[in-house]
Protein backbone atom coordinates (compact mmCIF):
# COMPACT_ATOMS: atom_id res chain seq x y z
CA MET A 1 -12.59 -45.93 43.53
CA SER A 2 -15.17 -47.86 46.19
CA PHE A 3 -18.98 -47.56 45.73
CA LYS A 4 -18.76 -45.82 49.28
CA LYS A 5 -16.48 -43.30 48.28
CA ARG A 6 -17.94 -42.81 45.15
CA ALA A 7 -21.14 -42.07 46.90
CA ALA A 8 -19.74 -39.53 49.25
CA VAL A 9 -18.02 -37.86 46.29
CA ALA A 10 -21.53 -38.14 44.24
CA VAL A 11 -23.55 -36.46 47.38
CA ALA A 12 -20.71 -33.60 47.58
CA GLY A 13 -21.26 -32.76 43.95
CA ALA A 14 -24.85 -32.67 44.34
CA LEU A 15 -24.74 -30.36 47.47
CA ALA A 16 -22.29 -28.03 45.61
CA GLY A 17 -25.03 -28.01 42.67
CA ALA A 18 -27.91 -27.24 44.63
CA ALA A 19 -25.64 -24.53 46.58
CA MET A 20 -24.73 -23.33 43.33
CA ILE A 21 -28.31 -22.76 41.94
CA SER A 22 -29.41 -21.20 45.21
CA GLY A 23 -26.23 -18.60 44.99
CA LEU A 24 -24.42 -19.85 48.09
CA VAL A 25 -21.35 -21.23 46.41
CA ALA A 26 -18.01 -19.91 47.81
CA PRO A 27 -15.48 -18.93 45.06
CA ASN A 28 -13.25 -22.22 46.11
CA ALA A 29 -16.21 -24.71 46.09
CA PHE A 30 -15.07 -28.16 46.66
CA ALA A 31 -16.43 -29.85 43.37
CA MET A 32 -16.39 -29.18 39.63
CA TYR A 33 -18.91 -26.88 38.16
CA ARG A 34 -20.27 -25.97 34.70
CA VAL A 35 -18.61 -22.77 33.38
CA LEU A 36 -21.82 -20.51 32.30
CA GLY A 37 -21.69 -17.32 30.49
CA ILE A 38 -18.83 -17.59 28.40
CA VAL A 39 -17.65 -18.68 25.21
CA CYS A 40 -15.16 -21.85 26.26
CA ASN A 41 -14.81 -23.71 22.82
CA GLY A 42 -11.32 -23.22 21.93
CA SER A 43 -9.93 -22.54 25.15
CA GLU A 44 -7.06 -24.80 26.61
CA GLN A 45 -8.27 -24.22 30.24
CA TYR A 46 -11.52 -26.10 30.65
CA TRP A 47 -12.79 -29.29 30.40
CA THR A 48 -15.15 -29.48 27.60
CA THR A 49 -17.69 -31.81 26.19
CA PHE A 50 -18.73 -31.50 22.66
CA SER A 51 -22.31 -32.94 22.15
CA THR A 52 -24.92 -32.77 19.19
CA THR A 53 -27.15 -31.39 21.90
CA GLY A 54 -24.65 -28.59 23.16
CA ASN A 55 -21.30 -28.39 24.35
CA THR A 56 -20.30 -27.68 28.11
CA CYS A 57 -17.36 -26.60 29.98
CA TRP A 58 -16.21 -27.35 33.81
CA ALA A 59 -13.78 -26.03 36.00
CA ASN A 60 -12.45 -27.11 39.51
CA ASP A 61 -11.20 -30.48 40.85
CA GLY A 62 -14.12 -32.92 42.12
CA SER A 63 -17.01 -34.93 40.38
CA VAL A 64 -20.64 -34.29 39.09
CA ASN A 65 -23.52 -36.58 38.26
CA VAL A 66 -24.59 -35.59 34.73
CA THR A 67 -26.77 -36.50 31.84
CA LEU A 68 -24.97 -35.40 28.81
CA TYR A 69 -26.34 -36.97 25.68
CA GLN A 70 -24.71 -37.55 22.33
CA VAL A 71 -21.27 -36.66 23.14
CA ALA A 72 -18.99 -36.49 19.97
CA LEU A 73 -15.59 -35.48 21.91
CA LEU A 74 -14.40 -34.74 25.68
CA SER A 75 -11.63 -32.25 25.83
CA SER A 76 -9.60 -32.34 28.82
CA GLY A 77 -8.01 -28.76 28.90
CA ASN A 78 -5.49 -28.43 31.34
CA ASN A 79 -7.04 -30.72 33.49
CA ARG A 80 -6.87 -34.45 33.87
CA GLY A 81 -9.79 -37.05 35.00
CA GLY A 82 -12.36 -39.43 34.08
CA TRP A 83 -15.86 -39.97 33.33
CA GLU A 84 -18.48 -42.97 32.64
CA CYS A 85 -20.72 -43.35 30.10
CA THR A 86 -22.78 -45.90 28.10
CA ALA A 87 -19.71 -47.03 26.55
CA GLY A 88 -17.70 -47.86 29.89
CA SER A 89 -15.26 -45.78 32.10
CA PHE A 90 -12.46 -43.63 30.60
CA SER A 91 -9.66 -41.51 32.03
CA ILE A 92 -7.53 -38.58 30.42
CA PRO A 93 -4.41 -37.06 30.75
CA SER A 94 -4.23 -32.89 30.58
CA TYR A 95 -4.13 -31.27 27.23
CA SER A 96 -5.91 -34.54 25.55
CA SER A 97 -8.97 -35.48 23.84
CA GLN A 98 -11.30 -38.70 23.45
CA ASN A 99 -13.53 -39.06 20.35
CA LEU A 100 -16.50 -40.71 21.14
CA VAL A 101 -18.11 -41.05 17.84
CA PRO A 102 -16.70 -44.53 17.57
CA TYR A 103 -18.75 -45.47 20.65
CA GLY A 104 -21.66 -44.56 18.92
CA TYR A 105 -22.29 -40.96 20.69
CA PRO A 106 -22.69 -42.14 24.28
CA THR A 107 -24.18 -40.44 27.22
CA ILE A 108 -22.34 -39.06 29.88
CA THR A 109 -23.39 -39.73 33.65
CA TRP A 110 -20.26 -38.99 35.56
CA MET A 111 -17.25 -36.95 35.44
CA VAL A 112 -14.19 -36.27 37.73
CA ILE A 113 -11.42 -33.92 37.28
CA THR A 114 -8.41 -34.84 39.58
CA GLY A 115 -6.03 -32.08 38.96
CA ARG A 116 -3.66 -30.69 36.65
């Protein structure tokens, strides 16, 4: 993905995040969002990061700039996509997981869900 395209996607994700914080997000938001208020571990539905500092779940197609420290495992759920971290760039098909421990528990800085 070109820098210009990635920057546009990142801006869209930031705007969606700001709208979500202010309560203005429509149900069909165009960017992935963090799933809050539910237990997502063990669900095959969500994009999930498992970290020594706390687990997070994500849904919807789109991308988001994040800072997720010490990630041990990423599970795609029924999604496919990719991420960038201090160990490099990765992609993953649906219903898969990636063990990140061999990469030294990297920090994830960007994620994208590209569909099912």
